Amino acid sequence: QVQLVESGGGLVQAGGSLRLSCAASGRTFNNAMGWFRQAPGKEREFVAAISWTGSITSHALSVKGRFTISRDNAKNTVYLQMNSLKPEETAVYYCAVRRGPVVSTENLYDYWGQGTQVTVSS
C-alpha cells in the first residue's frame, strides 16, 4: 500500500556528509519510519527510526552523535542526515515504515523502499 522512494545517496569522502530522503506515498498516519542499511557481505542492520510525531527517535549505537533522523509529515518524507561518514558505512540504505511505535527490529516493518546506494571513499 505504502510506496517508499529513497534518494540522496551517492559518493562521498570519509568524514563527509550526506542527507538521505525517503518520500512516501499512501497513508503513513500514525506510522513510525526507519532507516536500515546493508553493507557488502553483511546483514541488513538498523540505523535509525522515528515516531509519527517525531518526538521519539532511536539511533543505532554505531551512528549516535553522527546521524540524525527527522521527518516532515506535511511532505510525507523522512530524512537521515549523516555526518562524519566512515568507509565501513558504505551500504545500500533502505527506508521502511510500520504501523505503531518505534522499533529496531527489521521484521516488524511493513513496507520498504528499494534503497539508495551510499559509498564512502577512504
Protein backbone atom coordinates (compact mmCIF):
# COMPACT_ATOMS: atom_id res chain seq x y z
CA GLN A 1 0.00 0.00 0.00
CA VAL A 2 2.69 2.45 1.01
CA GLN A 3 5.30 3.26 -1.60
CA LEU A 4 8.69 4.50 -0.46
CA VAL A 5 11.34 6.08 -2.64
CA GLU A 6 14.78 6.83 -1.25
CA SER A 7 17.07 9.46 -2.68
CA GLY A 8 20.19 11.39 -1.77
CA GLY A 9 22.72 8.61 -1.89
CA GLY A 10 25.98 8.93 -3.71
CA LEU A 11 29.72 9.00 -3.39
CA VAL A 12 31.29 10.92 -0.53
CA GLN A 13 34.73 11.04 1.03
CA ALA A 14 35.33 9.78 4.53
CA GLY A 15 34.38 12.45 7.01
CA GLY A 16 31.86 13.95 4.67
CA SER A 17 28.11 14.22 4.91
CA LEU A 18 25.03 13.16 3.04
CA ARG A 19 21.34 13.70 3.60
CA LEU A 20 19.04 10.91 2.55
CA SER A 21 15.39 11.44 1.86
CA CYS A 22 12.55 8.96 1.77
CA ALA A 23 9.35 10.11 0.14
CA ALA A 24 6.24 8.13 0.95
CA SER A 25 3.03 7.84 -0.97
CA GLY A 26 -0.05 6.33 0.54
CA ARG A 27 -1.16 6.52 4.11
CA THR A 28 1.52 6.92 6.73
CA PHE A 29 -0.62 8.31 9.51
CA ASN A 30 0.44 7.00 12.90
CA ASN A 31 3.35 5.16 11.34
CA ALA A 32 6.89 5.02 12.53
CA MET A 33 9.57 5.22 9.89
CA GLY A 34 13.07 3.91 9.92
CA TRP A 35 16.33 3.54 8.09
CA PHE A 36 18.27 0.34 7.66
CA ARG A 37 21.41 -0.40 5.71
CA GLN A 38 23.11 -3.38 4.18
CA ALA A 39 26.82 -3.29 3.53
CA PRO A 40 28.56 -5.68 1.14
CA GLY A 41 28.85 -9.11 2.69
CA LYS A 42 26.88 -8.13 5.77
CA GLU A 43 23.35 -8.50 7.07
CA ARG A 44 20.94 -5.62 6.96
CA GLU A 45 21.12 -3.58 10.14
CA PHE A 46 19.08 -0.99 11.91
CA VAL A 47 20.26 2.60 11.63
CA ALA A 48 17.56 4.89 13.00
CA ALA A 49 13.82 5.27 13.43
CA ILE A 50 11.36 7.99 14.28
CA SER A 51 7.83 8.04 15.67
CA TRP A 52 4.86 9.57 13.91
CA THR A 53 5.08 12.76 15.93
CA GLY A 54 8.82 12.92 15.71
CA SER A 55 9.04 13.16 19.46
CA ILE A 56 10.75 9.80 19.81
CA THR A 57 13.81 8.79 17.85
CA SER A 58 16.16 5.88 18.04
CA HIS A 59 19.63 5.65 16.59
CA ALA A 60 21.94 2.69 16.44
CA LEU A 61 24.86 3.00 18.82
CA SER A 62 27.27 2.96 15.91
CA VAL A 63 25.78 6.15 14.47
CA LYS A 64 24.79 8.08 17.58
CA GLY A 65 26.09 11.60 17.52
CA ARG A 66 26.71 11.48 13.79
CA PHE A 67 23.39 10.57 12.18
CA THR A 68 20.08 12.28 12.79
CA ILE A 69 16.68 11.09 11.66
CA SER A 70 13.84 13.54 11.16
CA ARG A 71 10.51 13.69 9.37
CA ASP A 72 8.18 16.16 7.77
CA ASN A 73 4.68 14.74 7.81
CA ALA A 74 3.33 17.53 5.62
CA LYS A 75 5.69 16.30 2.91
CA ASN A 76 5.35 12.64 3.85
CA THR A 77 9.11 12.46 3.98
CA VAL A 78 11.69 11.14 6.39
CA TYR A 79 15.31 12.22 6.34
CA LEU A 80 18.59 10.83 7.52
CA GLN A 81 21.34 13.37 7.99
CA MET A 82 24.64 11.53 8.00
CA ASN A 83 27.76 13.31 9.18
CA SER A 84 31.34 12.15 9.63
CA LEU A 85 30.78 9.21 7.36
CA LYS A 86 33.12 6.25 7.55
CA PRO A 87 34.18 3.92 4.73
CA GLU A 88 32.65 0.95 6.54
CA GLU A 89 29.29 2.67 6.27
CA THR A 90 29.25 2.09 2.55
CA ALA A 91 25.94 0.33 2.05
CA VAL A 92 22.57 0.38 0.45
CA TYR A 93 20.33 2.40 2.71
CA TYR A 94 16.68 1.43 2.94
CA CYS A 95 13.69 3.34 4.19
CA ALA A 96 10.94 1.41 5.92
CA VAL A 97 7.60 2.12 7.56
CA ARG A 98 5.48 0.34 10.14
CA ARG A 99 2.24 0.99 11.94
CA GLY A 100 2.84 1.83 15.55
CA PRO A 101 5.78 2.82 17.67
CA VAL A 102 9.48 2.99 17.02
CA VAL A 103 11.25 -0.36 16.98
CA SER A 104 14.61 -1.51 15.70
CA THR A 105 13.54 -4.95 14.55
CA GLU A 106 13.61 -5.37 10.81
CA ASN A 107 10.76 -7.86 10.51
CA LEU A 108 8.37 -5.52 12.30
CA TYR A 109 8.44 -3.07 9.42
CA ASP A 110 5.75 -3.48 6.82
CA TYR A 111 6.88 -1.57 3.75
CA TRP A 112 10.29 -1.00 2.24
CA GLY A 113 11.83 1.19 -0.36
CA GLN A 114 14.24 -0.13 -2.97
CA GLY A 115 17.24 1.51 -1.37
CA THR A 116 19.79 4.14 -2.25
CA GLN A 117 23.50 3.49 -2.53
CA VAL A 118 25.89 5.32 -0.25
CA THR A 119 29.56 4.91 -1.00
CA VAL A 120 32.15 6.36 1.36
CA SER A 121 35.66 6.51 -0.01
CA SER A 122 38.74 6.46 2.16
